[in-house]
PDB file of N, CA and C in Angstrom:
ATOM      1  N   UNK A   1       0.846  -1.176   0.000  1.00  0.00           N
ATOM      2  CA  UNK A   1       0.000   0.000   0.000  1.00  0.00           C
ATOM      3  C   UNK A   1       0.895   1.243   0.000  1.00  0.00           C
ATOM      4  N   UNK A   2       0.587   2.176  -0.849  1.00  0.00           N
ATOM      5  CA  UNK A   2       1.384   3.399  -0.946  1.00  0.00           C
ATOM      6  C   UNK A   2       1.133   4.327   0.240  1.00  0.00           C
ATOM      7  N   UNK A   3       2.143   5.091   0.594  1.00  0.00           N
ATOM      8  CA  UNK A   3       2.012   6.053   1.689  1.00  0.00           C
ATOM      9  C   UNK A   3       0.900   7.063   1.418  1.00  0.00           C
ATOM     10  N   UNK A   4       0.718   7.434   0.159  1.00  0.00           N
ATOM     11  CA  UNK A   4      -0.358   8.376  -0.181  1.00  0.00           C
ATOM     12  C   UNK A   4      -1.731   7.756   0.092  1.00  0.00           C
ATOM     13  N   UNK A   5      -1.872   6.450  -0.150  1.00  0.00           N
ATOM     14  CA  UNK A   5      -3.128   5.760   0.158  1.00  0.00           C
ATOM     15  C   UNK A   5      -3.351   5.715   1.666  1.00  0.00           C
ATOM     16  N   UNK A   6      -2.297   5.413   2.399  1.00  0.00           N
ATOM     17  CA  UNK A   6      -2.382   5.364   3.859  1.00  0.00           C
ATOM     18  C   UNK A   6      -2.836   6.714   4.398  1.00  0.00           C
ATOM     19  N   UNK A   7      -2.228   7.775   3.897  1.00  0.00           N
ATOM     20  CA  UNK A   7      -2.574   9.128   4.333  1.00  0.00           C
ATOM     21  C   UNK A   7      -4.047   9.419   4.080  1.00  0.00           C
ATOM     22  N   UNK A   8      -4.540   9.016   2.918  1.00  0.00           N
ATOM     23  CA  UNK A   8      -5.956   9.229   2.570  1.00  0.00           C
ATOM     24  C   UNK A   8      -6.876   8.402   3.469  1.00  0.00           C
ATOM     25  N   UNK A   9      -6.563   7.141   3.668  1.00  0.00           N
ATOM     26  CA  UNK A   9      -7.419   6.230   4.446  1.00  0.00           C
ATOM     27  C   UNK A   9      -7.583   6.702   5.885  1.00  0.00           C
ATOM     28  N   UNK A  10      -6.513   7.223   6.473  1.00  0.00           N
ATOM     29  CA  UNK A  10      -6.586   7.657   7.882  1.00  0.00           C
ATOM     30  C   UNK A  10      -6.898   9.145   8.012  1.00  0.00           C
ATOM     31  N   UNK A  11      -7.257   9.773   6.873  1.00  0.00           N
ATOM     32  CA  UNK A  11      -7.537  11.213   6.870  1.00  0.00           C
ATOM     33  C   UNK A  11      -6.369  11.963   7.502  1.00  0.00           C
ATOM     34  N   UNK A  12      -5.173  11.568   7.078  1.00  0.00           N
ATOM     35  CA  UNK A  12      -3.956  12.102   7.673  1.00  0.00           C
ATOM     36  C   UNK A  12      -3.371  13.289   6.948  1.00  0.00           C
ATOM     37  N   UNK A  13      -2.237  13.691   7.459  1.00  0.00           N
ATOM     38  CA  UNK A  13      -1.515  14.838   6.911  1.00  0.00           C
ATOM     39  C   UNK A  13      -0.031  14.487   6.896  1.00  0.00           C
ATOM     40  N   UNK A  14       0.596  14.665   5.734  1.00  0.00           N
ATOM     41  CA  UNK A  14       2.042  14.473   5.634  1.00  0.00           C
ATOM     42  C   UNK A  14       2.723  15.644   6.336  1.00  0.00           C
ATOM     43  N   UNK A  15       3.661  15.346   7.217  1.00  0.00           N
ATOM     44  CA  UNK A  15       4.299  16.402   7.999  1.00  0.00           C
ATOM     45  C   UNK A  15       5.518  17.000   7.315  1.00  0.00           C
ATOM     46  N   UNK A  16       5.918  16.414   6.212  1.00  0.00           N
ATOM     47  CA  UNK A  16       6.891  17.029   5.309  1.00  0.00           C
ATOM     48  C   UNK A  16       6.639  16.439   3.931  1.00  0.00           C
ATOM     49  N   UNK A  17       7.050  17.131   2.890  1.00  0.00           N
ATOM     50  CA  UNK A  17       6.724  16.745   1.521  1.00  0.00           C
ATOM     51  C   UNK A  17       7.598  15.579   1.068  1.00  0.00           C
ATOM     52  N   UNK A  18       7.051  14.373   1.152  1.00  0.00           N
ATOM     53  CA  UNK A  18       7.798  13.188   0.729  1.00  0.00           C
ATOM     54  C   UNK A  18       7.188  12.574  -0.530  1.00  0.00           C
ATOM     55  N   UNK A  19       6.597  13.419  -1.383  1.00  0.00           N
ATOM     56  CA  UNK A  19       5.952  12.934  -2.607  1.00  0.00           C
ATOM     57  C   UNK A  19       6.865  12.054  -3.443  1.00  0.00           C
ATOM     58  N   UNK A  20       8.146  12.392  -3.495  1.00  0.00           N
ATOM     59  CA  UNK A  20       9.082  11.610  -4.297  1.00  0.00           C
ATOM     60  C   UNK A  20       9.419  10.278  -3.625  1.00  0.00           C
ATOM     61  N   UNK A  21       8.934  10.081  -2.414  1.00  0.00           N
ATOM     62  CA  UNK A  21       9.200   8.846  -1.674  1.00  0.00           C
ATOM     63  C   UNK A  21       7.880   8.143  -1.351  1.00  0.00           C
ATOM     64  N   UNK A  22       6.948   8.159  -2.282  1.00  0.00           N
ATOM     65  CA  UNK A  22       5.644   7.532  -2.063  1.00  0.00           C
ATOM     66  C   UNK A  22       5.793   6.023  -2.234  1.00  0.00           C
ATOM     67  N   UNK A  23       6.493   5.410  -1.291  1.00  0.00           N
ATOM     68  CA  UNK A  23       6.841   3.998  -1.409  1.00  0.00           C
ATOM     69  C   UNK A  23       5.689   3.089  -1.007  1.00  0.00           C
ATOM     70  N   UNK A  24       5.838   1.857  -1.382  1.00  0.00           N
ATOM     71  CA  UNK A  24       4.874   0.816  -1.070  1.00  0.00           C
ATOM     72  C   UNK A  24       5.308   0.156   0.232  1.00  0.00           C
ATOM     73  N   UNK A  25       4.542   0.351   1.301  1.00  0.00           N
ATOM     74  CA  UNK A  25       4.903  -0.283   2.570  1.00  0.00           C
ATOM     75  C   UNK A  25       4.410  -1.728   2.560  1.00  0.00           C
ATOM     76  N   UNK A  26       5.155  -2.600   3.213  1.00  0.00           N
ATOM     77  CA  UNK A  26       4.887  -4.037   3.122  1.00  0.00           C
ATOM     78  C   UNK A  26       4.064  -4.577   4.283  1.00  0.00           C
ATOM     79  N   UNK A  27       3.691  -3.742   5.216  1.00  0.00           N
ATOM     80  CA  UNK A  27       2.925  -4.170   6.381  1.00  0.00           C
ATOM     81  C   UNK A  27       3.056  -3.129   7.468  1.00  0.00           C
ATOM     82  N   UNK A  28       2.412  -3.393   8.605  1.00  0.00           N
ATOM     83  CA  UNK A  28       2.432  -2.395   9.672  1.00  0.00           C
ATOM     84  C   UNK A  28       2.443  -3.057  11.045  1.00  0.00           C
ATOM     85  N   UNK A  29       2.923  -2.298  12.011  1.00  0.00           N
ATOM     86  CA  UNK A  29       2.869  -2.701  13.409  1.00  0.00           C
ATOM     87  C   UNK A  29       2.700  -1.460  14.270  1.00  0.00           C
ATOM     88  N   UNK A  30       2.134  -1.663  15.449  1.00  0.00           N
ATOM     89  CA  UNK A  30       1.996  -0.552  16.386  1.00  0.00           C
ATOM     90  C   UNK A  30       2.900  -0.755  17.598  1.00  0.00           C
ATOM     91  N   UNK A  31       3.789  -1.733  17.517  1.00  0.00           N
ATOM     92  CA  UNK A  31       4.692  -2.003  18.637  1.00  0.00           C
ATOM     93  C   UNK A  31       6.144  -1.874  18.196  1.00  0.00           C
ATOM     94  N   UNK A  32       6.843  -0.944  18.789  1.00  0.00           N
ATOM     95  CA  UNK A  32       8.244  -0.726  18.455  1.00  0.00           C
ATOM     96  C   UNK A  32       9.078  -1.964  18.763  1.00  0.00           C
ATOM     97  N   UNK A  33       8.800  -2.624  19.869  1.00  0.00           N
ATOM     98  CA  UNK A  33       9.568  -3.821  20.231  1.00  0.00           C
ATOM     99  C   UNK A  33       9.373  -4.930  19.199  1.00  0.00           C
ATOM    100  N   UNK A  34       8.161  -5.064  18.674  1.00  0.00           N
ATOM    101  CA  UNK A  34       7.877  -6.056  17.642  1.00  0.00           C
ATOM    102  C   UNK A  34       8.621  -5.708  16.357  1.00  0.00           C
ATOM    103  N   UNK A  35       8.643  -4.440  16.023  1.00  0.00           N
ATOM    104  CA  UNK A  35       9.350  -3.980  14.832  1.00  0.00           C
ATOM    105  C   UNK A  35      10.839  -4.288  14.944  1.00  0.00           C
ATOM    106  N   UNK A  36      11.413  -4.047  16.111  1.00  0.00           N
ATOM    107  CA  UNK A  36      12.835  -4.325  16.322  1.00  0.00           C
ATOM    108  C   UNK A  36      13.130  -5.821  16.262  1.00  0.00           C
ATOM    109  N   UNK A  37      12.201  -6.639  16.736  1.00  0.00           N
ATOM    110  CA  UNK A  37      12.428  -8.082  16.790  1.00  0.00           C
ATOM    111  C   UNK A  37      12.235  -8.772  15.440  1.00  0.00           C
ATOM    112  N   UNK A  38      11.162  -8.449  14.740  1.00  0.00           N
ATOM    113  CA  UNK A  38      10.846  -9.197  13.520  1.00  0.00           C
ATOM    114  C   UNK A  38      10.493  -8.318  12.323  1.00  0.00           C
ATOM    115  N   UNK A  39      10.680  -7.035  12.437  1.00  0.00           N
ATOM    116  CA  UNK A  39      10.306  -6.125  11.357  1.00  0.00           C
ATOM    117  C   UNK A  39      11.171  -6.278  10.119  1.00  0.00           C
ATOM    118  N   UNK A  40      10.634  -5.806   9.010  1.00  0.00           N
ATOM    119  CA  UNK A  40      11.352  -5.821   7.739  1.00  0.00           C
ATOM    120  C   UNK A  40      11.465  -4.390   7.222  1.00  0.00           C
ATOM    121  N   UNK A  41      12.413  -4.177   6.340  1.00  0.00           N
ATOM    122  CA  UNK A  41      12.507  -2.876   5.682  1.00  0.00           C
ATOM    123  C   UNK A  41      11.169  -2.558   5.035  1.00  0.00           C
ATOM    124  N   UNK A  42      10.770  -1.303   5.131  1.00  0.00           N
ATOM    125  CA  UNK A  42       9.555  -0.868   4.458  1.00  0.00           C
ATOM    126  C   UNK A  42       8.282  -1.009   5.263  1.00  0.00           C
ATOM    127  N   UNK A  43       8.381  -1.371   6.529  1.00  0.00           N
ATOM    128  CA  UNK A  43       7.192  -1.487   7.384  1.00  0.00           C
ATOM    129  C   UNK A  43       6.710  -0.096   7.790  1.00  0.00           C
ATOM    130  N   UNK A  44       5.418   0.014   8.070  1.00  0.00           N
ATOM    131  CA  UNK A  44       4.838   1.233   8.615  1.00  0.00           C
ATOM    132  C   UNK A  44       4.756   1.076  10.126  1.00  0.00           C
ATOM    133  N   UNK A  45       5.297   2.039  10.859  1.00  0.00           N
ATOM    134  CA  UNK A  45       5.187   2.048  12.312  1.00  0.00           C
ATOM    135  C   UNK A  45       4.055   2.991  12.688  1.00  0.00           C
ATOM    136  N   UNK A  46       3.075   2.478  13.409  1.00  0.00           N
ATOM    137  CA  UNK A  46       1.942   3.279  13.870  1.00  0.00           C
ATOM    138  C   UNK A  46       2.152   3.508  15.356  1.00  0.00           C
ATOM    139  N   UNK A  47       2.191   4.771  15.772  1.00  0.00           N
ATOM    140  CA  UNK A  47       2.574   5.060  17.155  1.00  0.00           C
ATOM    141  C   UNK A  47       1.795   6.232  17.739  1.00  0.00           C
ATOM    142  N   UNK A  48       1.687   6.217  19.039  1.00  0.00           N
ATOM    143  CA  UNK A  48       1.125   7.342  19.771  1.00  0.00           C
ATOM    144  C   UNK A  48       2.212   8.205  20.380  1.00  0.00           C
ATOM    145  N   UNK A  49       3.469   7.807  20.192  1.00  0.00           N
ATOM    146  CA  UNK A  49       4.596   8.578  20.727  1.00  0.00           C
ATOM    147  C   UNK A  49       5.058   9.608  19.705  1.00  0.00           C
ATOM    148  N   UNK A  50       5.368  10.775  20.174  1.00  0.00           N
ATOM    149  CA  UNK A  50       5.864  11.836  19.291  1.00  0.00           C
ATOM    150  C   UNK A  50       7.196  12.326  19.842  1.00  0.00           C
ATOM    151  N   UNK A  51       8.226  11.486  19.680  1.00  0.00           N
ATOM    152  CA  UNK A  51       9.548  11.822  20.200  1.00  0.00           C
ATOM    153  C   UNK A  51      10.608  11.625  19.130  1.00  0.00           C
ATOM    154  N   UNK A  52      11.701  12.325  19.279  1.00  0.00           N
ATOM    155  CA  UNK A  52      12.818  12.177  18.346  1.00  0.00           C
ATOM    156  C   UNK A  52      13.429  10.787  18.433  1.00  0.00           C
ATOM    157  N   UNK A  53      13.372  10.174  19.617  1.00  0.00           N
ATOM    158  CA  UNK A  53      13.921   8.823  19.781  1.00  0.00           C
ATOM    159  C   UNK A  53      13.201   7.824  18.883  1.00  0.00           C
ATOM    160  N   UNK A  54      11.916   8.034  18.659  1.00  0.00           N
ATOM    161  CA  UNK A  54      11.148   7.165  17.773  1.00  0.00           C
ATOM    162  C   UNK A  54      11.732   7.203  16.362  1.00  0.00           C
ATOM    163  N   UNK A  55      12.093   8.390  15.895  1.00  0.00           N
ATOM    164  CA  UNK A  55      12.675   8.540  14.555  1.00  0.00           C
ATOM    165  C   UNK A  55      14.023   7.831  14.485  1.00  0.00           C
ATOM    166  N   UNK A  56      14.850   8.012  15.492  1.00  0.00           N
ATOM    167  CA  UNK A  56      16.183   7.386  15.505  1.00  0.00           C
ATOM    168  C   UNK A  56      16.074   5.867  15.477  1.00  0.00           C
ATOM    169  N   UNK A  57      15.167   5.321  16.255  1.00  0.00           N
ATOM    170  CA  UNK A  57      14.979   3.871  16.277  1.00  0.00           C
ATOM    171  C   UNK A  57      14.415   3.386  14.945  1.00  0.00           C
ATOM    172  N   UNK A  58      13.470   4.109  14.393  1.00  0.00           N
ATOM    173  CA  UNK A  58      12.873   3.743  13.109  1.00  0.00           C
ATOM    174  C   UNK A  58      13.917   3.741  11.997  1.00  0.00           C
ATOM    175  N   UNK A  59      14.875   4.641  12.072  1.00  0.00           N
ATOM    176  CA  UNK A  59      15.938   4.699  11.077  1.00  0.00           C
ATOM    177  C   UNK A  59      16.797   3.438  11.129  1.00  0.00           C
ATOM    178  N   UNK A  60      17.074   2.958  12.318  1.00  0.00           N
ATOM    179  CA  UNK A  60      17.888   1.747  12.479  1.00  0.00           C
ATOM    180  C   UNK A  60      17.209   0.555  11.808  1.00  0.00           C
ATOM    181  N   UNK A  61      15.903   0.463  11.956  1.00  0.00           N
ATOM    182  CA  UNK A  61      15.139  -0.662  11.424  1.00  0.00           C
ATOM    183  C   UNK A  61      14.889  -0.516   9.920  1.00  0.00           C
ATOM    184  N   UNK A  62      14.822   0.707   9.428  1.00  0.00           N
ATOM    185  CA  UNK A  62      14.563   0.938   8.009  1.00  0.00           C
ATOM    186  C   UNK A  62      13.085   0.972   7.672  1.00  0.00           C
ATOM    187  N   UNK A  63      12.296   1.645   8.499  1.00  0.00           N
ATOM    188  CA  UNK A  63      10.852   1.704   8.252  1.00  0.00           C
ATOM    189  C   UNK A  63      10.536   2.445   6.959  1.00  0.00           C
ATOM    190  N   UNK A  64       9.366   2.135   6.406  1.00  0.00           N
ATOM    191  CA  UNK A  64       8.901   2.824   5.211  1.00  0.00           C
ATOM    192  C   UNK A  64       8.196   4.121   5.534  1.00  0.00           C
ATOM    193  N   UNK A  65       7.773   4.268   6.786  1.00  0.00           N
ATOM    194  CA  UNK A  65       7.095   5.478   7.223  1.00  0.00           C
ATOM    195  C   UNK A  65       6.592   5.329   8.643  1.00  0.00           C
ATOM    196  N   UNK A  66       6.206   6.463   9.233  1.00  0.00           N
ATOM    197  CA  UNK A  66       5.667   6.487  10.588  1.00  0.00           C
ATOM    198  C   UNK A  66       4.344   7.233  10.561  1.00  0.00           C
ATOM    199  N   UNK A  67       3.346   6.652  11.219  1.00  0.00           N
ATOM    200  CA  UNK A  67       2.039   7.277  11.373  1.00  0.00           C
ATOM    201  C   UNK A  67       1.834   7.568  12.855  1.00  0.00           C
ATOM    202  N   UNK A  68       1.653   8.842  13.187  1.00  0.00           N
ATOM    203  CA  UNK A  68       1.401   9.253  14.569  1.00  0.00           C
ATOM    204  C   UNK A  68      -0.103   9.470  14.721  1.00  0.00           C
ATOM    205  N   UNK A  69      -0.696   8.820  15.720  1.00  0.00           N
ATOM    206  CA  UNK A  69      -2.149   8.870  15.919  1.00  0.00           C
ATOM    207  C   UNK A  69      -2.552   9.864  17.003  1.00  0.00           C
ATOM    208  N   UNK A  70      -3.855  10.043  17.145  1.00  0.00           N
ATOM    209  CA  UNK A  70      -4.507  10.873  18.170  1.00  0.00           C
ATOM    210  C   UNK A  70      -4.232  12.369  18.027  1.00  0.00           C
ATOM    211  N   UNK A  71      -3.842  12.821  16.847  1.00  0.00           N
ATOM    212  CA  UNK A  71      -3.651  14.254  16.628  1.00  0.00           C
ATOM    213  C   UNK A  71      -2.609  14.882  17.531  1.00  0.00           C
ATOM    214  N   UNK A  72      -1.627  14.092  17.896  1.00  0.00           N
ATOM    215  CA  UNK A  72      -0.572  14.592  18.788  1.00  0.00           C
ATOM    216  C   UNK A  72       0.132  15.807  18.190  1.00  0.00           C
ATOM    217  N   UNK A  73       0.572  16.687  19.054  1.00  0.00           N
ATOM    218  CA  UNK A  73       1.381  17.821  18.638  1.00  0.00           C
ATOM    219  C   UNK A  73       2.791  17.294  18.368  1.00  0.00           C
ATOM    220  N   UNK A  74       3.216  17.361  17.121  1.00  0.00           N
ATOM    221  CA  UNK A  74       4.513  16.816  16.730  1.00  0.00           C
ATOM    222  C   UNK A  74       5.569  17.909  16.851  1.00  0.00           C
ATOM    223  N   UNK A  75       6.584  17.696  17.680  1.00  0.00           N
ATOM    224  CA  UNK A  75       7.636  18.703  17.825  1.00  0.00           C
ATOM    225  C   UNK A  75       8.382  18.927  16.502  1.00  0.00           C
ATOM    226  N   UNK A  76       8.729  20.159  16.237  1.00  0.00           N
ATOM    227  CA  UNK A  76       9.460  20.497  15.012  1.00  0.00           C
ATOM    228  C   UNK A  76      10.766  19.713  14.921  1.00  0.00           C
ATOM    229  N   UNK A  77      11.390  19.472  16.053  1.00  0.00           N
ATOM    230  CA  UNK A  77      12.642  18.699  16.088  1.00  0.00           C
ATOM    231  C   UNK A  77      12.428  17.289  15.519  1.00  0.00           C
ATOM    232  N   UNK A  78      11.287  16.709  15.817  1.00  0.00           N
ATOM    233  CA  UNK A  78      10.972  15.369  15.310  1.00  0.00           C
ATOM    234  C   UNK A  78      10.769  15.391  13.796  1.00  0.00           C
ATOM    235  N   UNK A  79      10.080  16.403  13.312  1.00  0.00           N
ATOM    236  CA  UNK A  79       9.846  16.537  11.870  1.00  0.00           C
ATOM    237  C   UNK A  79      11.167  16.737  11.137  1.00  0.00           C
ATOM    238  N   UNK A  80      12.023  17.588  11.671  1.00  0.00           N
ATOM    239  CA  UNK A  80      13.329  17.834  11.052  1.00  0.00           C
ATOM    240  C   UNK A  80      14.186  16.573  11.030  1.00  0.00           C
ATOM    241  N   UNK A  81      14.127  15.791  12.088  1.00  0.00           N
ATOM    242  CA  UNK A  81      14.887  14.544  12.148  1.00  0.00           C
ATOM    243  C   UNK A  81      14.347  13.532  11.135  1.00  0.00           C
ATOM    244  N   UNK A  82      13.035  13.482  10.979  1.00  0.00           N
ATOM    245  CA  UNK A  82      12.433  12.599   9.976  1.00  0.00           C
ATOM    246  C   UNK A  82      12.901  12.993   8.573  1.00  0.00           C
ATOM    247  N   UNK A  83      12.956  14.290   8.308  1.00  0.00           N
ATOM    248  CA  UNK A  83      13.472  14.769   7.013  1.00  0.00           C
ATOM    249  C   UNK A  83      14.921  14.349   6.835  1.00  0.00           C
ATOM    250  N   UNK A  84      15.721  14.564   7.873  1.00  0.00           N
ATOM    251  CA  UNK A  84      17.154  14.239   7.820  1.00  0.00           C
ATOM    252  C   UNK A  84      17.372  12.766   7.478  1.00  0.00           C
ATOM    253  N   UNK A  85      16.591  11.889   8.112  1.00  0.00           N
ATOM    254  CA  UNK A  85      16.730  10.451   7.879  1.00  0.00           C
ATOM    255  C   UNK A  85      15.863   9.960   6.721  1.00  0.00           C
ATOM    256  N   UNK A  86      15.148  10.882   6.082  1.00  0.00           N
ATOM    257  CA  UNK A  86      14.310  10.566   4.923  1.00  0.00           C
ATOM    258  C   UNK A  86      13.219   9.550   5.272  1.00  0.00           C
ATOM    259  N   UNK A  87      12.587   9.761   6.427  1.00  0.00           N
ATOM    260  CA  UNK A  87      11.507   8.890   6.880  1.00  0.00           C
ATOM    261  C   UNK A  87      10.183   9.644   6.762  1.00  0.00           C
ATOM    262  N   UNK A  88       9.279   9.179   5.898  1.00  0.00           N
ATOM    263  CA  UNK A  88       7.973   9.816   5.791  1.00  0.00           C
ATOM    264  C   UNK A  88       7.245   9.804   7.137  1.00  0.00           C
ATOM    265  N   UNK A  89       6.659  10.937   7.474  1.00  0.00           N
ATOM    266  CA  UNK A  89       5.985  11.111   8.759  1.00  0.00           C
ATOM    267  C   UNK A  89       4.577  11.632   8.491  1.00  0.00           C
ATOM    268  N   UNK A  90       3.580  10.889   8.979  1.00  0.00           N
ATOM    269  CA  UNK A  90       2.172  11.213   8.763  1.00  0.00           C
ATOM    270  C   UNK A  90       1.498  11.355  10.122  1.00  0.00           C
ATOM    271  N   UNK A  91       0.560  12.277  10.210  1.00  0.00           N
ATOM    272  CA  UNK A  91      -0.202  12.470  11.441  1.00  0.00           C
ATOM    273  C   UNK A  91      -1.687  12.303  11.141  1.00  0.00           C
ATOM    274  N   UNK A  92      -2.412  11.717  12.087  1.00  0.00           N
ATOM    275  CA  UNK A  92      -3.864  11.591  11.967  1.00  0.00           C
ATOM    276  C   UNK A  92      -4.517  11.902  13.306  1.00  0.00           C
ATOM    277  N   UNK A  93      -5.743  12.387  13.245  1.00  0.00           N
ATOM    278  CA  UNK A  93      -6.499  12.642  14.474  1.00  0.00           C
ATOM    279  C   UNK A  93      -7.178  11.373  14.980  1.00  0.00           C
ATOM    280  N   UNK A  94      -7.186  10.333  14.161  1.00  0.00           N
ATOM    281  CA  UNK A  94      -7.820   9.080  14.563  1.00  0.00           C
ATOM    282  C   UNK A  94      -7.078   8.453  15.741  1.00  0.00           C
ATOM    283  N   UNK A  95      -7.812   7.702  16.559  1.00  0.00           N
ATOM    284  CA  UNK A  95      -7.170   6.946  17.636  1.00  0.00           C
ATOM    285  C   UNK A  95      -6.510   5.706  17.031  1.00  0.00           C
ATOM    286  N   UNK A  96      -5.623   5.083  17.781  1.00  0.00           N
ATOM    287  CA  UNK A  96      -4.871   3.921  17.307  1.00  0.00           C
ATOM    288  C   UNK A  96      -5.789   2.824  16.758  1.00  0.00           C
ATOM    289  N   UNK A  97      -6.810   2.457  17.511  1.00  0.00           N
ATOM    290  CA  UNK A  97      -7.712   1.371  17.127  1.00  0.00           C
ATOM    291  C   UNK A  97      -8.353   1.641  15.770  1.00  0.00           C
ATOM    292  N   UNK A  98      -8.858   2.834  15.573  1.00  0.00           N
ATOM    293  CA  UNK A  98      -9.537   3.187  14.327  1.00  0.00           C
ATOM    294  C   UNK A  98      -8.564   3.238  13.160  1.00  0.00           C
ATOM    295  N   UNK A  99      -7.409   3.846  13.359  1.00  0.00           N
ATOM    296  CA  UNK A  99      -6.409   3.933  12.288  1.00  0.00           C
ATOM    297  C   UNK A  99      -5.961   2.537  11.853  1.00  0.00           C
ATOM    298  N   UNK A 100      -5.640   1.680  12.816  1.00  0.00           N
ATOM    299  CA  UNK A 100      -5.209   0.317  12.496  1.00  0.00           C
ATOM    300  C   UNK A 100      -6.325  -0.456  11.797  1.00  0.00           C
ATOM    301  N   UNK A 101      -7.550  -0.324  12.297  1.00  0.00           N
ATOM    302  CA  UNK A 101      -8.682  -1.023  11.698  1.00  0.00           C
ATOM    303  C   UNK A 101      -8.925  -0.612  10.261  1.00  0.00           C
ATOM    304  N   UNK A 102      -8.885   0.679  10.005  1.00  0.00           N
ATOM    305  CA  UNK A 102      -9.091   1.168   8.634  1.00  0.00           C
ATOM    306  C   UNK A 102      -8.012   0.630   7.695  1.00  0.00           C
ATOM    307  N   UNK A 103      -6.771   0.676   8.132  1.00  0.00           N
ATOM    308  CA  UNK A 103      -5.677   0.213   7.274  1.00  0.00           C
ATOM    309  C   UNK A 103      -5.766  -1.289   7.027  1.00  0.00           C
ATOM    310  N   UNK A 104      -6.061  -2.055   8.069  1.00  0.00           N
ATOM    311  CA  UNK A 104      -6.182  -3.504   7.938  1.00  0.00           C
ATOM    312  C   UNK A 104      -7.332  -3.867   6.999  1.00  0.00           C
ATOM    313  N   UNK A 105      -8.479  -3.225   7.178  1.00  0.00           N
ATOM    314  CA  UNK A 105      -9.642  -3.499   6.324  1.00  0.00           C
ATOM    315  C   UNK A 105      -9.432  -3.028   4.887  1.00  0.00           C
ATOM    316  N   UNK A 106      -8.477  -2.136   4.689  1.00  0.00           N
ATOM    317  CA  UNK A 106      -8.173  -1.643   3.340  1.00  0.00           C
ATOM    318  C   UNK A 106      -7.101  -2.481   2.654  1.00  0.00           C
ATOM    319  N   UNK A 107      -6.602  -3.509   3.352  1.00  0.00           N
ATOM    320  CA  UNK A 107      -5.672  -4.434   2.710  1.00  0.00           C
ATOM    321  C   UNK A 107      -4.238  -4.405   3.190  1.00  0.00           C
ATOM    322  N   UNK A 108      -3.905  -3.527   4.115  1.00  0.00           N
ATOM    323  CA  UNK A 108      -2.536  -3.504   4.632  1.00  0.00           C
ATOM    324  C   UNK A 108      -2.363  -4.670   5.598  1.00  0.00           C
ATOM    325  N   UNK A 109      -1.311  -5.439   5.417  1.00  0.00           N
ATOM    326  CA  UNK A 109      -1.091  -6.599   6.284  1.00  0.00           C
ATOM    327  C   UNK A 109      -0.415  -6.195   7.586  1.00  0.00           C
ATOM    328  N   UNK A 110      -0.514  -7.096   8.564  1.00  0.00           N
ATOM    329  CA  UNK A 110       0.195  -6.859   9.816  1.00  0.00           C
ATOM    330  C   UNK A 110       1.646  -7.314   9.659  1.00  0.00           C
ATOM    331  N   UNK A 111       2.406  -7.263  10.719  1.00  0.00           N
ATOM    332  CA  UNK A 111       3.834  -7.577  10.655  1.00  0.00           C
ATOM    333  C   UNK A 111       4.094  -9.036  10.267  1.00  0.00           C
ATOM    334  N   UNK A 112       3.097  -9.906  10.493  1.00  0.00           N
ATOM    335  CA  UNK A 112       3.233 -11.324  10.144  1.00  0.00           C
ATOM    336  C   UNK A 112       2.737 -11.643   8.740  1.00  0.00           C
ATOM    337  N   UNK A 113       2.230 -10.635   8.045  1.00  0.00           N
ATOM    338  CA  UNK A 113       1.728 -10.847   6.692  1.00  0.00           C
ATOM    339  C   UNK A 113       0.249 -11.182   6.622  1.00  0.00           C
ATOM    340  N   UNK A 114      -0.440 -11.181   7.766  1.00  0.00           N
ATOM    341  CA  UNK A 114      -1.869 -11.480   7.800  1.00  0.00           C
ATOM    342  C   UNK A 114      -2.652 -10.315   7.204  1.00  0.00           C
ATOM    343  N   UNK A 115      -3.586 -10.647   6.330  1.00  0.00           N
ATOM    344  CA  UNK A 115      -4.439  -9.638   5.704  1.00  0.00           C
ATOM    345  C   UNK A 115      -5.885  -9.841   6.137  1.00  0.00           C
ATOM    346  N   UNK A 116      -6.699  -8.816   5.899  1.00  0.00           N
ATOM    347  CA  UNK A 116      -8.129  -8.874   6.218  1.00  0.00           C
ATOM    348  C   UNK A 116      -8.759 -10.085   5.538  1.00  0.00           C
ATOM    349  N   UNK A 117      -9.570 -10.817   6.253  1.00  0.00           N
ATOM    350  CA  UNK A 117     -10.205 -12.005   5.702  1.00  0.00           C
ATOM    351  C   UNK A 117      -9.414 -13.267   6.011  1.00  0.00           C
ATOM    352  N   UNK A 118      -8.315 -13.101   6.754  1.00  0.00           N
ATOM    353  CA  UNK A 118      -7.447 -14.202   7.183  1.00  0.00           C
ATOM    354  C   UNK A 118      -6.707 -14.688   6.000  1.00  0.00           C
TER     355      UNK A 118
END
């Protein structure tokens, strides 16, 4: 699923212009520990945390993008770090449950490759 599709599905907003990096993410997780343990390059990290440490950790793993939920106020430092590491950063006002549900029902797989409909 393309990052532009993800942004549309969650009624999100790109926090920096990554149009040239509208990559196809291969799945998603909402747990950083799970991403570190079994994640693959190109995964979408869905998080309620809005910290620079999240960007640094995501860079190590090679995520395809980060979606911040609940309309959190994203610090400018975090946005600048995402730009520096070339990590697409999206924000949505949706809560975690709703954002994950919409993406899963739209065909995005979880970290294990499971898709809607089993």
